[in-house]
Amino acid sequence: MEDKDIEEKAQQGWTEFHDNPQALRTYFTHLAEAYPDSGRATFELANVLDFLSREHDAIPLYQQAIGLGLTPEYEAYAKVQWASSLRNLERFDEAVVLLQEVMTAFLQFPAFAVFMAIAQDSQGKPREALQFVLDWILNQCQSSDLARYHRALTHYVENMGPSGETQAPTYDFRPVRAEEDIPWSLLLLADPSILRIKRYLGKGPCVVAQGQEGTIGVYVLAKTDAKRVELMNIAVHKDWQGHGIGKSLLDHAVQWAREEGYKWMEVGTGNSSLGPLAFYQKAGFRVIDVIPNFFVNDHDPPIIENHIVCQDMIRLRKNLDDA
């Protein structure tokens, strides 16, 4: 009965405060305090912290919720979300181990299989991730066409070769001081306009991630005024994407701006750039403005990403006083 009350209160909290992060967190903190011995109430608070990209805070609460006691289904949810938080923190091996435990008991849940494949891909094992999902489809989905080809497809999946694992590179950050050191090929990954890149180079630091493999990442900042700095460009070499280098570059840029006394960091990206929009918001940036037709006037032919024409610039801002 208590879990049912908590579920109703949780639904009410999401309905009322889904667009107000501070109020959402406060509501669920009070809910957990009102039911201190309830694993379900603690789970709901962990879920909210996860939603707010507070994975470090969410993980111990998932563990606490499991210790307090959850139904088998919600214990599985807690472990899956715990594993997802570990993956977001780049603790990929721990995430896979935890998901393997859950999958043993809940192999019939499609979402869990997808979480496992994503975690394996983050480990640098895309072939194993694909193999896992295909195996799950063959053994858990019921359909006449799969039944017809089951033996052949199972054979093909079992004989897929292993992925070639790529170790994450080691690297240091250093400022670019000479024009001949500017990593044009990387800058053009994020901004296809050489003319525009030249306009903002020199208005702030250009910093590269440098390793034995060469220059694997870059960011450029431009000083807007005494309180604001803008992230003009951030890019990672295609061979090294998926290793957390982009997050490290952004963290380095934010730290530099804080040390220089700036209060705000701003960035603009295209309406079609779904990956960057998620990346910045997970890092604490909030949407503050939309500039219609910004890219329509600037590019010919048009840019198309994710089957979407890039037309408008989405402006985001991060308060550098926030953790």
C-alpha atoms as a PDB file:
ATOM      1  CA  MET A   1       0.000   0.000   0.000  1.00  0.00           C
ATOM      2  CA  GLU A   2       2.864   2.352   0.839  1.00  0.00           C
ATOM      3  CA  ASP A   3       4.456   1.798  -2.593  1.00  0.00           C
ATOM      4  CA  LYS A   4       1.145   2.672  -4.259  1.00  0.00           C
ATOM      5  CA  ASP A   5       0.964   5.944  -2.308  1.00  0.00           C
ATOM      6  CA  ILE A   6       4.544   6.761  -3.268  1.00  0.00           C
ATOM      7  CA  GLU A   7       3.861   5.961  -6.923  1.00  0.00           C
ATOM      8  CA  GLU A   8       0.885   8.340  -6.946  1.00  0.00           C
ATOM      9  CA  LYS A   9       2.938  11.072  -5.270  1.00  0.00           C
ATOM     10  CA  ALA A  10       5.789  10.493  -7.738  1.00  0.00           C
ATOM     11  CA  GLN A  11       3.445  10.868 -10.712  1.00  0.00           C
ATOM     12  CA  GLN A  12       2.069  14.056  -9.162  1.00  0.00           C
ATOM     13  CA  GLY A  13       5.593  15.438  -8.703  1.00  0.00           C
ATOM     14  CA  TRP A  14       6.586  14.785 -12.308  1.00  0.00           C
ATOM     15  CA  THR A  15       3.335  16.306 -13.573  1.00  0.00           C
ATOM     16  CA  GLU A  16       3.725  19.499 -11.548  1.00  0.00           C
ATOM     17  CA  PHE A  17       7.483  20.096 -11.658  1.00  0.00           C
ATOM     18  CA  HIS A  18       8.924  18.357 -14.755  1.00  0.00           C
ATOM     19  CA  ASP A  19       9.982  21.727 -16.191  1.00  0.00           C
ATOM     20  CA  ASN A  20      11.386  23.130 -12.916  1.00  0.00           C
ATOM     21  CA  PRO A  21      14.546  21.185 -11.938  1.00  0.00           C
ATOM     22  CA  GLN A  22      15.002  22.785  -8.518  1.00  0.00           C
ATOM     23  CA  ALA A  23      11.367  22.283  -7.510  1.00  0.00           C
ATOM     24  CA  LEU A  24      11.455  18.717  -8.856  1.00  0.00           C
ATOM     25  CA  ARG A  25      14.501  17.870  -6.758  1.00  0.00           C
ATOM     26  CA  THR A  26      13.027  19.517  -3.656  1.00  0.00           C
ATOM     27  CA  TYR A  27       9.724  17.670  -4.042  1.00  0.00           C
ATOM     28  CA  PHE A  28      11.345  14.246  -4.302  1.00  0.00           C
ATOM     29  CA  THR A  29      13.826  14.998  -1.511  1.00  0.00           C
ATOM     30  CA  HIS A  30      10.863  15.726   0.759  1.00  0.00           C
ATOM     31  CA  LEU A  31       9.155  12.548  -0.463  1.00  0.00           C
ATOM     32  CA  ALA A  32      12.202  10.452   0.482  1.00  0.00           C
ATOM     33  CA  GLU A  33      12.391  12.190   3.870  1.00  0.00           C
ATOM     34  CA  ALA A  34       8.700  11.459   4.492  1.00  0.00           C
ATOM     35  CA  TYR A  35       9.312   7.730   3.862  1.00  0.00           C
ATOM     36  CA  PRO A  36      12.844   7.195   5.250  1.00  0.00           C
ATOM     37  CA  ASP A  37      12.519   3.395   5.366  1.00  0.00           C
ATOM     38  CA  SER A  38      11.071   3.050   1.876  1.00  0.00           C
ATOM     39  CA  GLY A  39      13.272   1.749  -0.901  1.00  0.00           C
ATOM     40  CA  ARG A  40      10.729   2.969  -3.446  1.00  0.00           C
ATOM     41  CA  ALA A  41      10.827   6.587  -2.210  1.00  0.00           C
ATOM     42  CA  THR A  42      14.634   6.537  -2.242  1.00  0.00           C
ATOM     43  CA  PHE A  43      14.565   5.055  -5.749  1.00  0.00           C
ATOM     44  CA  GLU A  44      12.308   7.877  -6.960  1.00  0.00           C
ATOM     45  CA  LEU A  45      14.753  10.487  -5.616  1.00  0.00           C
ATOM     46  CA  ALA A  46      17.666   8.700  -7.308  1.00  0.00           C
ATOM     47  CA  ASN A  47      15.655   8.642 -10.536  1.00  0.00           C
ATOM     48  CA  VAL A  48      15.176  12.425 -10.372  1.00  0.00           C
ATOM     49  CA  LEU A  49      18.864  13.073  -9.675  1.00  0.00           C
ATOM     50  CA  ASP A  50      19.710  10.871 -12.658  1.00  0.00           C
ATOM     51  CA  PHE A  51      17.303  12.905 -14.799  1.00  0.00           C
ATOM     52  CA  LEU A  52      19.075  16.084 -13.637  1.00  0.00           C
ATOM     53  CA  SER A  53      22.482  14.640 -14.681  1.00  0.00           C
ATOM     54  CA  ARG A  54      23.554  14.238 -11.036  1.00  0.00           C
ATOM     55  CA  GLU A  55      24.824  10.690 -11.531  1.00  0.00           C
ATOM     56  CA  HIS A  56      27.357  10.930  -8.698  1.00  0.00           C
ATOM     57  CA  ASP A  57      24.498  11.672  -6.277  1.00  0.00           C
ATOM     58  CA  ALA A  58      22.105   9.140  -7.810  1.00  0.00           C
ATOM     59  CA  ILE A  59      24.336   6.048  -7.635  1.00  0.00           C
ATOM     60  CA  PRO A  60      24.552   5.745  -3.808  1.00  0.00           C
ATOM     61  CA  LEU A  61      20.788   6.285  -3.585  1.00  0.00           C
ATOM     62  CA  TYR A  62      20.128   3.425  -6.017  1.00  0.00           C
ATOM     63  CA  GLN A  63      22.305   1.247  -3.778  1.00  0.00           C
ATOM     64  CA  GLN A  64      20.474   2.492  -0.682  1.00  0.00           C
ATOM     65  CA  ALA A  65      17.078   1.822  -2.273  1.00  0.00           C
ATOM     66  CA  ILE A  66      18.062  -1.769  -3.054  1.00  0.00           C
ATOM     67  CA  GLY A  67      19.285  -2.201   0.519  1.00  0.00           C
ATOM     68  CA  LEU A  68      16.007  -0.885   1.935  1.00  0.00           C
ATOM     69  CA  GLY A  69      14.053  -3.278  -0.250  1.00  0.00           C
ATOM     70  CA  LEU A  70      12.299  -3.058  -3.606  1.00  0.00           C
ATOM     71  CA  THR A  71       9.982  -5.316  -5.543  1.00  0.00           C
ATOM     72  CA  PRO A  72      11.914  -7.577  -7.962  1.00  0.00           C
ATOM     73  CA  GLU A  73      10.840  -5.415 -10.895  1.00  0.00           C
ATOM     74  CA  TYR A  74      11.920  -2.144  -9.281  1.00  0.00           C
ATOM     75  CA  GLU A  75      15.165  -3.683  -8.061  1.00  0.00           C
ATOM     76  CA  ALA A  76      15.882  -4.442 -11.712  1.00  0.00           C
ATOM     77  CA  TYR A  77      14.990  -0.862 -12.684  1.00  0.00           C
ATOM     78  CA  ALA A  78      17.298   0.452  -9.967  1.00  0.00           C
ATOM     79  CA  LYS A  79      20.206  -1.683 -11.156  1.00  0.00           C
ATOM     80  CA  VAL A  80      19.674  -0.764 -14.808  1.00  0.00           C
ATOM     81  CA  GLN A  81      19.561   2.952 -14.013  1.00  0.00           C
ATOM     82  CA  TRP A  82      22.550   2.564 -11.694  1.00  0.00           C
ATOM     83  CA  ALA A  83      24.413   0.898 -14.570  1.00  0.00           C
ATOM     84  CA  SER A  84      23.362   3.669 -16.954  1.00  0.00           C
ATOM     85  CA  SER A  85      24.730   6.248 -14.510  1.00  0.00           C
ATOM     86  CA  LEU A  86      28.009   4.336 -14.328  1.00  0.00           C
ATOM     87  CA  ARG A  87      28.197   4.393 -18.125  1.00  0.00           C
ATOM     88  CA  ASN A  88      27.569   8.145 -18.188  1.00  0.00           C
ATOM     89  CA  LEU A  89      30.487   8.518 -15.770  1.00  0.00           C
ATOM     90  CA  GLU A  90      32.625   6.421 -18.161  1.00  0.00           C
ATOM     91  CA  ARG A  91      32.799   3.473 -15.724  1.00  0.00           C
ATOM     92  CA  PHE A  92      31.912   1.153 -18.585  1.00  0.00           C
ATOM     93  CA  ASP A  93      33.167  -2.176 -17.221  1.00  0.00           C
ATOM     94  CA  GLU A  94      31.221  -1.759 -13.967  1.00  0.00           C
ATOM     95  CA  ALA A  95      28.094  -0.928 -15.957  1.00  0.00           C
ATOM     96  CA  VAL A  96      28.351  -4.079 -18.062  1.00  0.00           C
ATOM     97  CA  VAL A  97      28.900  -6.316 -15.008  1.00  0.00           C
ATOM     98  CA  LEU A  98      25.819  -4.870 -13.306  1.00  0.00           C
ATOM     99  CA  LEU A  99      23.696  -5.221 -16.440  1.00  0.00           C
ATOM    100  CA  GLN A 100      24.783  -8.837 -16.882  1.00  0.00           C
ATOM    101  CA  GLU A 101      23.388  -9.546 -13.416  1.00  0.00           C
ATOM    102  CA  VAL A 102      20.061  -7.921 -14.293  1.00  0.00           C
ATOM    103  CA  MET A 103      19.761  -9.553 -17.707  1.00  0.00           C
ATOM    104  CA  THR A 104      19.985 -13.013 -16.142  1.00  0.00           C
ATOM    105  CA  ALA A 105      16.681 -12.413 -14.359  1.00  0.00           C
ATOM    106  CA  PHE A 106      14.952 -10.042 -16.790  1.00  0.00           C
ATOM    107  CA  LEU A 107      16.023 -11.139 -20.244  1.00  0.00           C
ATOM    108  CA  GLN A 108      12.490 -10.527 -21.522  1.00  0.00           C
ATOM    109  CA  PHE A 109      12.728  -6.730 -21.047  1.00  0.00           C
ATOM    110  CA  PRO A 110      13.699  -5.088 -24.391  1.00  0.00           C
ATOM    111  CA  ALA A 111      14.906  -1.839 -22.796  1.00  0.00           C
ATOM    112  CA  PHE A 112      17.410  -3.742 -20.666  1.00  0.00           C
ATOM    113  CA  ALA A 113      18.884  -5.375 -23.767  1.00  0.00           C
ATOM    114  CA  VAL A 114      19.309  -1.948 -25.351  1.00  0.00           C
ATOM    115  CA  PHE A 115      21.047  -0.613 -22.219  1.00  0.00           C
ATOM    116  CA  MET A 116      23.438  -3.567 -22.361  1.00  0.00           C
ATOM    117  CA  ALA A 117      24.265  -2.979 -26.027  1.00  0.00           C
ATOM    118  CA  ILE A 118      24.920   0.719 -25.393  1.00  0.00           C
ATOM    119  CA  ALA A 119      27.231  -0.121 -22.482  1.00  0.00           C
ATOM    120  CA  GLN A 120      29.144  -2.657 -24.579  1.00  0.00           C
ATOM    121  CA  ASP A 121      29.512  -0.119 -27.372  1.00  0.00           C
ATOM    122  CA  SER A 122      30.877   2.382 -24.832  1.00  0.00           C
ATOM    123  CA  GLN A 123      33.449  -0.245 -23.842  1.00  0.00           C
ATOM    124  CA  GLY A 124      34.748  -0.058 -27.393  1.00  0.00           C
ATOM    125  CA  LYS A 125      33.008  -3.297 -28.416  1.00  0.00           C
ATOM    126  CA  PRO A 126      30.473  -2.276 -31.082  1.00  0.00           C
ATOM    127  CA  ARG A 127      30.460  -5.705 -32.729  1.00  0.00           C
ATOM    128  CA  GLU A 128      29.672  -7.452 -29.442  1.00  0.00           C
ATOM    129  CA  ALA A 129      26.922  -4.885 -28.801  1.00  0.00           C
ATOM    130  CA  LEU A 130      25.329  -5.616 -32.165  1.00  0.00           C
ATOM    131  CA  GLN A 131      25.719  -9.346 -31.599  1.00  0.00           C
ATOM    132  CA  PHE A 132      24.012  -9.107 -28.208  1.00  0.00           C
ATOM    133  CA  VAL A 133      20.995  -7.233 -29.584  1.00  0.00           C
ATOM    134  CA  LEU A 134      20.626  -9.572 -32.557  1.00  0.00           C
ATOM    135  CA  ASP A 135      20.836 -12.598 -30.278  1.00  0.00           C
ATOM    136  CA  TRP A 136      18.193 -11.062 -28.014  1.00  0.00           C
ATOM    137  CA  ILE A 137      15.854 -10.463 -30.970  1.00  0.00           C
ATOM    138  CA  LEU A 138      16.294 -14.022 -32.223  1.00  0.00           C
ATOM    139  CA  ASN A 139      15.590 -15.611 -28.853  1.00  0.00           C
ATOM    140  CA  GLN A 140      13.002 -13.301 -27.298  1.00  0.00           C
ATOM    141  CA  CYS A 141      10.853 -12.030 -30.180  1.00  0.00           C
ATOM    142  CA  GLN A 142       8.108 -14.281 -31.461  1.00  0.00           C
ATOM    143  CA  SER A 143       7.320 -13.975 -35.172  1.00  0.00           C
ATOM    144  CA  SER A 144       6.828 -16.348 -38.077  1.00  0.00           C
ATOM    145  CA  ASP A 145       9.610 -14.835 -40.181  1.00  0.00           C
ATOM    146  CA  LEU A 146      12.171 -15.182 -37.374  1.00  0.00           C
ATOM    147  CA  ALA A 147      11.032 -18.760 -36.806  1.00  0.00           C
ATOM    148  CA  ARG A 148      11.489 -19.500 -40.507  1.00  0.00           C
ATOM    149  CA  TYR A 149      15.094 -18.242 -40.606  1.00  0.00           C
ATOM    150  CA  HIS A 150      16.024 -18.882 -36.973  1.00  0.00           C
ATOM    151  CA  ARG A 151      18.664 -21.551 -37.589  1.00  0.00           C
ATOM    152  CA  ALA A 152      20.464 -19.617 -40.328  1.00  0.00           C
ATOM    153  CA  LEU A 153      20.343 -16.281 -38.500  1.00  0.00           C
ATOM    154  CA  THR A 154      21.556 -17.857 -35.259  1.00  0.00           C
ATOM    155  CA  HIS A 155      24.516 -19.335 -37.133  1.00  0.00           C
ATOM    156  CA  TYR A 156      25.383 -15.970 -38.695  1.00  0.00           C
ATOM    157  CA  VAL A 157      25.171 -14.132 -35.369  1.00  0.00           C
ATOM    158  CA  GLU A 158      27.280 -16.718 -33.556  1.00  0.00           C
ATOM    159  CA  ASN A 159      29.989 -16.421 -36.203  1.00  0.00           C
ATOM    160  CA  MET A 160      30.293 -12.650 -36.159  1.00  0.00           C
ATOM    161  CA  GLY A 161      33.910 -11.722 -35.495  1.00  0.00           C
ATOM    162  CA  PRO A 162      34.940  -9.841 -32.346  1.00  0.00           C
ATOM    163  CA  SER A 163      35.473  -6.107 -32.341  1.00  0.00           C
ATOM    164  CA  GLY A 164      38.941  -4.683 -32.492  1.00  0.00           C
ATOM    165  CA  GLU A 165      39.119  -2.909 -29.140  1.00  0.00           C
ATOM    166  CA  THR A 166      40.545   0.599 -29.094  1.00  0.00           C
ATOM    167  CA  GLN A 167      42.107   1.809 -25.878  1.00  0.00           C
ATOM    168  CA  ALA A 168      41.281   5.338 -24.818  1.00  0.00           C
ATOM    169  CA  PRO A 169      44.253   7.591 -25.634  1.00  0.00           C
ATOM    170  CA  THR A 170      46.263   9.518 -23.073  1.00  0.00           C
ATOM    171  CA  TYR A 171      46.601  13.226 -23.766  1.00  0.00           C
ATOM    172  CA  ASP A 172      47.387  16.639 -22.331  1.00  0.00           C
ATOM    173  CA  PHE A 173      45.906  20.046 -23.018  1.00  0.00           C
ATOM    174  CA  ARG A 174      48.011  22.814 -24.499  1.00  0.00           C
ATOM    175  CA  PRO A 175      47.201  26.206 -26.026  1.00  0.00           C
ATOM    176  CA  VAL A 176      47.804  26.796 -29.724  1.00  0.00           C
ATOM    177  CA  ARG A 177      50.298  29.634 -30.020  1.00  0.00           C
ATOM    178  CA  ALA A 178      51.343  29.591 -33.673  1.00  0.00           C
ATOM    179  CA  GLU A 179      49.168  29.798 -36.766  1.00  0.00           C
ATOM    180  CA  GLU A 180      50.803  26.721 -38.277  1.00  0.00           C
ATOM    181  CA  ASP A 181      49.607  24.670 -35.287  1.00  0.00           C
ATOM    182  CA  ILE A 182      45.916  25.430 -35.840  1.00  0.00           C
ATOM    183  CA  PRO A 183      44.114  22.063 -36.325  1.00  0.00           C
ATOM    184  CA  TRP A 184      41.956  23.115 -39.264  1.00  0.00           C
ATOM    185  CA  SER A 185      40.684  19.622 -40.049  1.00  0.00           C
ATOM    186  CA  LEU A 186      39.288  19.287 -36.516  1.00  0.00           C
ATOM    187  CA  LEU A 187      37.800  22.781 -36.396  1.00  0.00           C
ATOM    188  CA  LEU A 188      36.012  22.125 -39.687  1.00  0.00           C
ATOM    189  CA  LEU A 189      34.322  19.053 -38.184  1.00  0.00           C
ATOM    190  CA  ALA A 190      32.317  21.373 -35.937  1.00  0.00           C
ATOM    191  CA  ASP A 191      32.094  24.427 -38.190  1.00  0.00           C
ATOM    192  CA  PRO A 192      32.215  24.030 -41.997  1.00  0.00           C
ATOM    193  CA  SER A 193      32.900  27.746 -42.593  1.00  0.00           C
ATOM    194  CA  ILE A 194      36.608  28.632 -42.753  1.00  0.00           C
ATOM    195  CA  LEU A 195      35.724  32.320 -42.956  1.00  0.00           C
ATOM    196  CA  ARG A 196      33.726  32.178 -39.744  1.00  0.00           C
ATOM    197  CA  ILE A 197      36.449  30.190 -37.947  1.00  0.00           C
ATOM    198  CA  LYS A 198      39.005  32.839 -38.913  1.00  0.00           C
ATOM    199  CA  ARG A 199      36.719  35.539 -37.501  1.00  0.00           C
ATOM    200  CA  TYR A 200      36.681  34.068 -33.998  1.00  0.00           C
ATOM    201  CA  LEU A 201      40.202  32.636 -33.780  1.00  0.00           C
ATOM    202  CA  GLY A 202      42.296  34.997 -31.687  1.00  0.00           C
ATOM    203  CA  LYS A 203      39.368  36.301 -29.627  1.00  0.00           C
ATOM    204  CA  GLY A 204      40.166  33.808 -26.879  1.00  0.00           C
ATOM    205  CA  PRO A 205      42.158  30.644 -26.245  1.00  0.00           C
ATOM    206  CA  CYS A 206      42.418  27.836 -28.783  1.00  0.00           C
ATOM    207  CA  VAL A 207      43.323  24.683 -26.836  1.00  0.00           C
ATOM    208  CA  VAL A 208      44.108  21.225 -28.191  1.00  0.00           C
ATOM    209  CA  ALA A 209      44.148  17.765 -26.646  1.00  0.00           C
ATOM    210  CA  GLN A 210      47.534  16.376 -27.646  1.00  0.00           C
ATOM    211  CA  GLY A 211      48.597  12.738 -27.310  1.00  0.00           C
ATOM    212  CA  GLN A 212      50.967  10.259 -28.902  1.00  0.00           C
ATOM    213  CA  GLU A 213      48.392   9.894 -31.670  1.00  0.00           C
ATOM    214  CA  GLY A 214      48.706  13.606 -32.458  1.00  0.00           C
ATOM    215  CA  THR A 215      46.052  16.272 -31.987  1.00  0.00           C
ATOM    216  CA  ILE A 216      42.837  14.466 -31.103  1.00  0.00           C
ATOM    217  CA  GLY A 217      40.616  17.315 -29.924  1.00  0.00           C
ATOM    218  CA  VAL A 218      40.251  21.083 -29.848  1.00  0.00           C
ATOM    219  CA  TYR A 219      38.141  23.881 -28.421  1.00  0.00           C
ATOM    220  CA  VAL A 220      38.048  27.619 -29.104  1.00  0.00           C
ATOM    221  CA  LEU A 221      36.653  30.290 -26.782  1.00  0.00           C
ATOM    222  CA  ALA A 222      35.856  33.921 -27.576  1.00  0.00           C
ATOM    223  CA  LYS A 223      35.656  36.581 -24.888  1.00  0.00           C
ATOM    224  CA  THR A 224      32.303  38.375 -25.194  1.00  0.00           C
ATOM    225  CA  ASP A 225      32.553  40.827 -22.293  1.00  0.00           C
ATOM    226  CA  ALA A 226      33.855  40.962 -18.718  1.00  0.00           C
ATOM    227  CA  LYS A 227      31.369  38.328 -17.531  1.00  0.00           C
ATOM    228  CA  ARG A 228      30.711  36.180 -20.597  1.00  0.00           C
ATOM    229  CA  VAL A 229      32.777  33.879 -22.758  1.00  0.00           C
ATOM    230  CA  GLU A 230      31.491  31.877 -25.713  1.00  0.00           C
ATOM    231  CA  LEU A 231      32.441  28.365 -26.779  1.00  0.00           C
ATOM    232  CA  MET A 232      32.870  28.855 -30.514  1.00  0.00           C
ATOM    233  CA  ASN A 233      34.140  25.426 -31.516  1.00  0.00           C
ATOM    234  CA  ILE A 234      34.709  22.022 -29.928  1.00  0.00           C
ATOM    235  CA  ALA A 235      35.630  18.897 -31.863  1.00  0.00           C
ATOM    236  CA  VAL A 236      37.149  15.442 -31.432  1.00  0.00           C
ATOM    237  CA  HIS A 237      38.981  13.457 -34.105  1.00  0.00           C
ATOM    238  CA  LYS A 238      36.619  10.895 -35.642  1.00  0.00           C
ATOM    239  CA  ASP A 239      38.924   8.008 -34.689  1.00  0.00           C
ATOM    240  CA  TRP A 240      38.735   8.948 -31.008  1.00  0.00           C
ATOM    241  CA  GLN A 241      35.098   9.843 -30.515  1.00  0.00           C
ATOM    242  CA  GLY A 242      33.249   7.900 -27.827  1.00  0.00           C
ATOM    243  CA  HIS A 243      36.099   8.004 -25.298  1.00  0.00           C
ATOM    244  CA  GLY A 244      34.914  10.971 -23.229  1.00  0.00           C
ATOM    245  CA  ILE A 245      37.363  13.389 -24.864  1.00  0.00           C
ATOM    246  CA  GLY A 246      34.628  15.883 -25.747  1.00  0.00           C
ATOM    247  CA  LYS A 247      33.510  16.027 -22.118  1.00  0.00           C
ATOM    248  CA  SER A 248      37.124  16.498 -20.990  1.00  0.00           C
ATOM    249  CA  LEU A 249      37.565  19.352 -23.473  1.00  0.00           C
ATOM    250  CA  LEU A 250      34.403  21.046 -22.237  1.00  0.00           C
ATOM    251  CA  ASP A 251      35.387  20.554 -18.589  1.00  0.00           C
ATOM    252  CA  HIS A 252      38.793  22.105 -19.344  1.00  0.00           C
ATOM    253  CA  ALA A 253      37.154  25.082 -21.077  1.00  0.00           C
ATOM    254  CA  VAL A 254      34.764  25.624 -18.163  1.00  0.00           C
ATOM    255  CA  GLN A 255      37.611  25.443 -15.648  1.00  0.00           C
ATOM    256  CA  TRP A 256      39.658  27.971 -17.637  1.00  0.00           C
ATOM    257  CA  ALA A 257      36.698  30.369 -17.767  1.00  0.00           C
ATOM    258  CA  ARG A 258      36.082  30.063 -14.027  1.00  0.00           C
ATOM    259  CA  GLU A 259      39.728  30.738 -13.227  1.00  0.00           C
ATOM    260  CA  GLU A 260      39.613  33.818 -15.459  1.00  0.00           C
ATOM    261  CA  GLY A 261      36.637  35.142 -13.492  1.00  0.00           C
ATOM    262  CA  TYR A 262      33.856  34.690 -16.042  1.00  0.00           C
ATOM    263  CA  LYS A 263      30.304  34.137 -14.793  1.00  0.00           C
ATOM    264  CA  TRP A 264      28.659  32.716 -17.920  1.00  0.00           C
ATOM    265  CA  MET A 265      29.650  30.452 -20.783  1.00  0.00           C
ATOM    266  CA  GLU A 266      27.478  30.517 -23.886  1.00  0.00           C
ATOM    267  CA  VAL A 267      27.355  28.351 -26.986  1.00  0.00           C
ATOM    268  CA  GLY A 268      25.327  28.222 -30.181  1.00  0.00           C
ATOM    269  CA  THR A 269      24.477  25.111 -32.173  1.00  0.00           C
ATOM    270  CA  GLY A 270      22.124  24.127 -34.963  1.00  0.00           C
ATOM    271  CA  ASN A 271      18.544  22.985 -34.489  1.00  0.00           C
ATOM    272  CA  SER A 272      19.482  19.749 -36.289  1.00  0.00           C
ATOM    273  CA  SER A 273      22.498  19.013 -34.057  1.00  0.00           C
ATOM    274  CA  LEU A 274      20.717  16.623 -31.714  1.00  0.00           C
ATOM    275  CA  GLY A 275      23.916  15.151 -30.257  1.00  0.00           C
ATOM    276  CA  PRO A 276      25.482  18.511 -29.303  1.00  0.00           C
ATOM    277  CA  LEU A 277      22.161  19.765 -27.899  1.00  0.00           C
ATOM    278  CA  ALA A 278      22.031  16.771 -25.547  1.00  0.00           C
ATOM    279  CA  PHE A 279      25.769  17.067 -24.781  1.00  0.00           C
ATOM    280  CA  TYR A 280      25.538  20.700 -23.668  1.00  0.00           C
ATOM    281  CA  GLN A 281      22.364  20.282 -21.638  1.00  0.00           C
ATOM    282  CA  LYS A 282      23.835  17.304 -19.783  1.00  0.00           C
ATOM    283  CA  ALA A 283      26.771  19.584 -18.941  1.00  0.00           C
ATOM    284  CA  GLY A 284      24.462  22.152 -17.337  1.00  0.00           C
ATOM    285  CA  PHE A 285      23.741  24.509 -20.247  1.00  0.00           C
ATOM    286  CA  ARG A 286      20.187  25.866 -20.599  1.00  0.00           C
ATOM    287  CA  VAL A 287      18.483  27.094 -23.774  1.00  0.00           C
ATOM    288  CA  ILE A 288      18.187  30.891 -23.688  1.00  0.00           C
ATOM    289  CA  ASP A 289      17.358  31.918 -27.260  1.00  0.00           C
ATOM    290  CA  VAL A 290      16.685  30.805 -30.829  1.00  0.00           C
ATOM    291  CA  ILE A 291      17.993  32.756 -33.831  1.00  0.00           C
ATOM    292  CA  PRO A 292      15.770  31.873 -36.810  1.00  0.00           C
ATOM    293  CA  ASN A 293      17.388  31.217 -40.201  1.00  0.00           C
ATOM    294  CA  PHE A 294      20.911  31.787 -38.870  1.00  0.00           C
ATOM    295  CA  PHE A 295      22.342  28.942 -40.941  1.00  0.00           C
ATOM    296  CA  VAL A 296      20.081  29.521 -43.942  1.00  0.00           C
ATOM    297  CA  ASN A 297      21.850  32.813 -44.564  1.00  0.00           C
ATOM    298  CA  ASP A 298      25.292  31.424 -43.892  1.00  0.00           C
ATOM    299  CA  HIS A 299      25.476  28.202 -45.872  1.00  0.00           C
ATOM    300  CA  ASP A 300      24.910  27.187 -49.467  1.00  0.00           C
ATOM    301  CA  PRO A 301      24.097  24.351 -50.009  1.00  0.00           C
ATOM    302  CA  PRO A 302      22.091  23.737 -46.818  1.00  0.00           C
ATOM    303  CA  ILE A 303      23.383  21.579 -43.963  1.00  0.00           C
ATOM    304  CA  ILE A 304      21.369  18.437 -43.247  1.00  0.00           C
ATOM    305  CA  GLU A 305      21.894  16.452 -40.030  1.00  0.00           C
ATOM    306  CA  ASN A 306      19.770  13.605 -38.674  1.00  0.00           C
ATOM    307  CA  HIS A 307      17.506  14.079 -41.733  1.00  0.00           C
ATOM    308  CA  ILE A 308      16.775  17.631 -40.504  1.00  0.00           C
ATOM    309  CA  VAL A 309      17.674  20.825 -42.367  1.00  0.00           C
ATOM    310  CA  CYS A 310      19.853  23.023 -40.176  1.00  0.00           C
ATOM    311  CA  GLN A 311      18.202  26.452 -40.188  1.00  0.00           C
ATOM    312  CA  ASP A 312      18.085  27.993 -36.718  1.00  0.00           C
ATOM    313  CA  MET A 313      20.756  28.561 -34.099  1.00  0.00           C
ATOM    314  CA  ILE A 314      19.910  27.358 -30.585  1.00  0.00           C
ATOM    315  CA  ARG A 315      21.649  29.509 -27.975  1.00  0.00           C
ATOM    316  CA  LEU A 316      22.563  27.925 -24.628  1.00  0.00           C
ATOM    317  CA  ARG A 317      24.181  29.294 -21.477  1.00  0.00           C
ATOM    318  CA  LYS A 318      25.867  27.787 -18.408  1.00  0.00           C
ATOM    319  CA  ASN A 319      26.170  29.548 -15.063  1.00  0.00           C
ATOM    320  CA  LEU A 320      29.808  29.011 -14.111  1.00  0.00           C
ATOM    321  CA  ASP A 321      28.976  29.429 -10.425  1.00  0.00           C
ATOM    322  CA  ASP A 322      27.113  26.108 -10.584  1.00  0.00           C
ATOM    323  CA  ALA A 323      28.981  22.894  -9.864  1.00  0.00           C
END
